[in-house]
């Protein structure tokens, strides 16, 4: 249910001119799919971090994963 809510918020925000959401609309025309990918990626990274926080840099890993999902900054 959370992924549907996130996708709906992306769509609603883009329709109403919210800057962050409008930016997300430039990434994909499939917000539900993007919402699933973001949540799945964060869930996996968080699980790895919870299991071994000394060797998993959550922020560093998210920075890398977000570049795969959204492209490099400024691209």
N, C-alpha and C. Protein backbone atom coordinates (compact mmCIF):
# COMPACT_ATOMS: atom_id res chain seq x y z
N UNK A 1 0.81 -1.19 0.00
CA UNK A 1 0.00 0.00 0.00
C UNK A 1 0.86 1.25 0.00
N UNK A 2 2.02 1.20 0.66
CA UNK A 2 2.90 2.35 0.72
C UNK A 2 3.38 2.76 -0.66
N UNK A 3 3.72 1.79 -1.52
CA UNK A 3 4.22 2.15 -2.85
C UNK A 3 3.15 2.82 -3.68
N UNK A 4 1.89 2.42 -3.54
CA UNK A 4 0.80 3.08 -4.27
C UNK A 4 0.66 4.51 -3.77
N UNK A 5 0.73 4.70 -2.48
CA UNK A 5 0.64 6.04 -1.92
C UNK A 5 1.77 6.92 -2.44
N UNK A 6 2.99 6.41 -2.46
CA UNK A 6 4.12 7.19 -2.96
C UNK A 6 3.93 7.54 -4.42
N UNK A 7 3.49 6.60 -5.23
CA UNK A 7 3.26 6.87 -6.65
C UNK A 7 2.15 7.89 -6.83
N UNK A 8 1.08 7.75 -6.06
CA UNK A 8 -0.02 8.71 -6.16
C UNK A 8 0.43 10.11 -5.77
N UNK A 9 1.28 10.19 -4.76
CA UNK A 9 1.79 11.50 -4.34
C UNK A 9 2.67 12.11 -5.41
N UNK A 10 3.50 11.28 -6.05
CA UNK A 10 4.32 11.78 -7.15
C UNK A 10 3.45 12.36 -8.25
N UNK A 11 2.44 11.61 -8.63
CA UNK A 11 1.56 12.05 -9.71
C UNK A 11 0.79 13.31 -9.31
N UNK A 12 0.22 13.31 -8.12
CA UNK A 12 -0.56 14.45 -7.65
C UNK A 12 0.32 15.70 -7.57
N UNK A 13 1.52 15.56 -7.04
CA UNK A 13 2.42 16.69 -6.93
C UNK A 13 2.82 17.24 -8.29
N UNK A 14 3.08 16.36 -9.24
CA UNK A 14 3.46 16.81 -10.58
C UNK A 14 2.31 17.57 -11.23
N UNK A 15 1.10 17.11 -11.01
CA UNK A 15 -0.06 17.78 -11.58
C UNK A 15 -0.30 19.15 -10.96
N UNK A 16 0.17 19.34 -9.73
CA UNK A 16 -0.07 20.60 -9.03
C UNK A 16 1.19 21.46 -8.92
N UNK A 17 2.22 21.12 -9.68
CA UNK A 17 3.39 21.97 -9.79
C UNK A 17 4.38 21.96 -8.65
N UNK A 18 4.36 20.95 -7.81
CA UNK A 18 5.35 20.88 -6.74
C UNK A 18 6.72 20.58 -7.34
N UNK A 19 7.72 21.31 -6.95
CA UNK A 19 9.03 21.24 -7.59
C UNK A 19 9.65 19.85 -7.50
N UNK A 20 9.73 19.27 -6.31
CA UNK A 20 10.38 17.97 -6.17
C UNK A 20 9.65 16.90 -6.97
N UNK A 21 8.35 16.97 -6.96
CA UNK A 21 7.57 15.96 -7.67
C UNK A 21 7.64 16.19 -9.17
N UNK A 22 7.67 17.43 -9.58
CA UNK A 22 7.82 17.72 -11.00
C UNK A 22 9.16 17.18 -11.50
N UNK A 23 10.18 17.27 -10.66
CA UNK A 23 11.48 16.72 -11.01
C UNK A 23 11.38 15.21 -11.19
N UNK A 24 10.66 14.53 -10.29
CA UNK A 24 10.49 13.08 -10.40
C UNK A 24 9.79 12.72 -11.70
N UNK A 25 8.90 13.57 -12.15
CA UNK A 25 8.18 13.30 -13.40
C UNK A 25 9.12 13.34 -14.60
N UNK A 26 10.25 14.02 -14.47
CA UNK A 26 11.22 14.04 -15.57
C UNK A 26 12.01 12.75 -15.63
N UNK A 27 11.96 11.97 -14.57
CA UNK A 27 12.71 10.72 -14.51
C UNK A 27 11.95 9.58 -15.19
N UNK A 28 10.64 9.55 -15.01
CA UNK A 28 9.87 8.41 -15.52
C UNK A 28 8.43 8.80 -15.80
N UNK A 29 7.84 8.07 -16.71
CA UNK A 29 6.40 8.22 -16.93
C UNK A 29 5.64 7.07 -16.25
N UNK A 30 6.36 6.29 -15.44
CA UNK A 30 5.77 5.17 -14.71
C UNK A 30 6.05 5.34 -13.21
N UNK A 31 5.34 6.26 -12.54
CA UNK A 31 5.64 6.53 -11.13
C UNK A 31 5.41 5.33 -10.21
N UNK A 32 4.47 4.46 -10.53
CA UNK A 32 4.26 3.28 -9.67
C UNK A 32 5.47 2.36 -9.70
N UNK A 33 6.03 2.17 -10.87
CA UNK A 33 7.22 1.35 -11.00
C UNK A 33 8.40 1.99 -10.27
N UNK A 34 8.56 3.30 -10.43
CA UNK A 34 9.64 4.00 -9.74
C UNK A 34 9.46 3.90 -8.23
N UNK A 35 8.23 4.03 -7.74
CA UNK A 35 7.97 3.91 -6.31
C UNK A 35 8.37 2.53 -5.80
N UNK A 36 8.03 1.48 -6.55
CA UNK A 36 8.42 0.12 -6.14
C UNK A 36 9.93 -0.03 -6.10
N UNK A 37 10.61 0.50 -7.10
CA UNK A 37 12.07 0.38 -7.16
C UNK A 37 12.74 1.13 -6.01
N UNK A 38 12.26 2.32 -5.71
CA UNK A 38 12.84 3.10 -4.61
C UNK A 38 12.64 2.38 -3.29
N UNK A 39 11.42 1.93 -3.03
CA UNK A 39 11.14 1.25 -1.76
C UNK A 39 11.91 -0.06 -1.64
N UNK A 40 11.99 -0.81 -2.72
CA UNK A 40 12.73 -2.08 -2.68
C UNK A 40 14.21 -1.84 -2.44
N UNK A 41 14.75 -0.83 -3.08
CA UNK A 41 16.16 -0.51 -2.89
C UNK A 41 16.43 -0.07 -1.46
N UNK A 42 15.62 0.83 -0.95
CA UNK A 42 15.82 1.30 0.43
C UNK A 42 15.63 0.16 1.43
N UNK A 43 14.62 -0.68 1.22
CA UNK A 43 14.41 -1.83 2.13
C UNK A 43 15.66 -2.72 2.16
N UNK A 44 16.17 -3.04 0.99
CA UNK A 44 17.35 -3.90 0.92
C UNK A 44 18.57 -3.27 1.58
N UNK A 45 18.79 -2.00 1.30
CA UNK A 45 19.93 -1.31 1.91
C UNK A 45 19.79 -1.22 3.42
N UNK A 46 18.59 -0.93 3.88
CA UNK A 46 18.37 -0.84 5.33
C UNK A 46 18.59 -2.19 6.01
N UNK A 47 18.13 -3.27 5.39
CA UNK A 47 18.34 -4.60 5.97
C UNK A 47 19.83 -4.91 6.07
N UNK A 48 20.58 -4.60 5.02
CA UNK A 48 22.03 -4.85 5.07
C UNK A 48 22.69 -4.01 6.16
N UNK A 49 22.27 -2.77 6.29
CA UNK A 49 22.83 -1.88 7.31
C UNK A 49 22.48 -2.37 8.72
N UNK A 50 21.23 -2.81 8.91
CA UNK A 50 20.83 -3.31 10.22
C UNK A 50 21.60 -4.57 10.61
N UNK A 51 21.89 -5.41 9.63
CA UNK A 51 22.62 -6.66 9.92
C UNK A 51 24.09 -6.40 10.20
N UNK A 52 24.66 -5.40 9.55
CA UNK A 52 26.09 -5.14 9.73
C UNK A 52 26.40 -3.66 9.52
N UNK A 53 26.04 -2.83 10.49
CA UNK A 53 26.22 -1.38 10.33
C UNK A 53 27.68 -0.94 10.24
N UNK A 54 28.60 -1.77 10.72
CA UNK A 54 30.01 -1.40 10.69
C UNK A 54 30.62 -1.47 9.29
N UNK A 55 30.03 -2.30 8.42
CA UNK A 55 30.59 -2.43 7.08
C UNK A 55 29.67 -1.91 5.98
N UNK A 56 28.49 -1.47 6.34
CA UNK A 56 27.54 -0.96 5.35
C UNK A 56 27.30 0.52 5.62
N UNK A 57 27.73 1.35 4.70
CA UNK A 57 27.47 2.78 4.80
C UNK A 57 26.14 3.09 4.13
N UNK A 58 25.10 3.21 4.92
CA UNK A 58 23.75 3.38 4.38
C UNK A 58 23.66 4.59 3.46
N UNK A 59 24.17 5.72 3.89
CA UNK A 59 24.08 6.94 3.07
C UNK A 59 24.91 6.79 1.80
N UNK A 60 26.12 6.26 1.93
CA UNK A 60 26.98 6.05 0.77
C UNK A 60 26.31 5.11 -0.24
N UNK A 61 25.75 4.01 0.26
CA UNK A 61 25.08 3.05 -0.62
C UNK A 61 23.86 3.67 -1.29
N UNK A 62 23.09 4.48 -0.54
CA UNK A 62 21.92 5.13 -1.13
C UNK A 62 22.35 6.11 -2.21
N UNK A 63 23.43 6.86 -1.98
CA UNK A 63 23.93 7.79 -3.00
C UNK A 63 24.24 7.05 -4.29
N UNK A 64 24.88 5.89 -4.17
CA UNK A 64 25.22 5.09 -5.35
C UNK A 64 23.96 4.55 -6.03
N UNK A 65 23.05 4.00 -5.23
CA UNK A 65 21.82 3.42 -5.79
C UNK A 65 20.95 4.50 -6.43
N UNK A 66 20.89 5.68 -5.84
CA UNK A 66 20.04 6.73 -6.39
C UNK A 66 20.57 7.20 -7.75
N UNK A 67 21.87 7.11 -7.95
CA UNK A 67 22.41 7.47 -9.25
C UNK A 67 21.99 6.46 -10.32
N UNK A 68 21.86 5.20 -9.92
CA UNK A 68 21.38 4.19 -10.86
C UNK A 68 19.91 4.44 -11.18
N UNK A 69 19.11 4.77 -10.16
CA UNK A 69 17.68 5.00 -10.36
C UNK A 69 17.39 6.31 -11.10
N UNK A 70 18.10 7.38 -10.74
CA UNK A 70 17.77 8.71 -11.24
C UNK A 70 18.78 9.30 -12.19
N UNK A 71 19.95 8.66 -12.31
CA UNK A 71 21.03 9.22 -13.11
C UNK A 71 21.93 10.05 -12.22
N UNK A 72 23.14 10.33 -12.69
CA UNK A 72 24.07 11.12 -11.89
C UNK A 72 23.57 12.55 -11.69
N UNK A 73 24.00 13.19 -10.61
CA UNK A 73 23.59 14.57 -10.37
C UNK A 73 23.98 15.47 -11.55
N UNK A 74 23.07 16.33 -11.92
CA UNK A 74 23.32 17.25 -13.01
C UNK A 74 23.18 16.67 -14.41
N UNK A 75 22.79 15.39 -14.48
CA UNK A 75 22.67 14.76 -15.81
C UNK A 75 21.34 15.11 -16.46
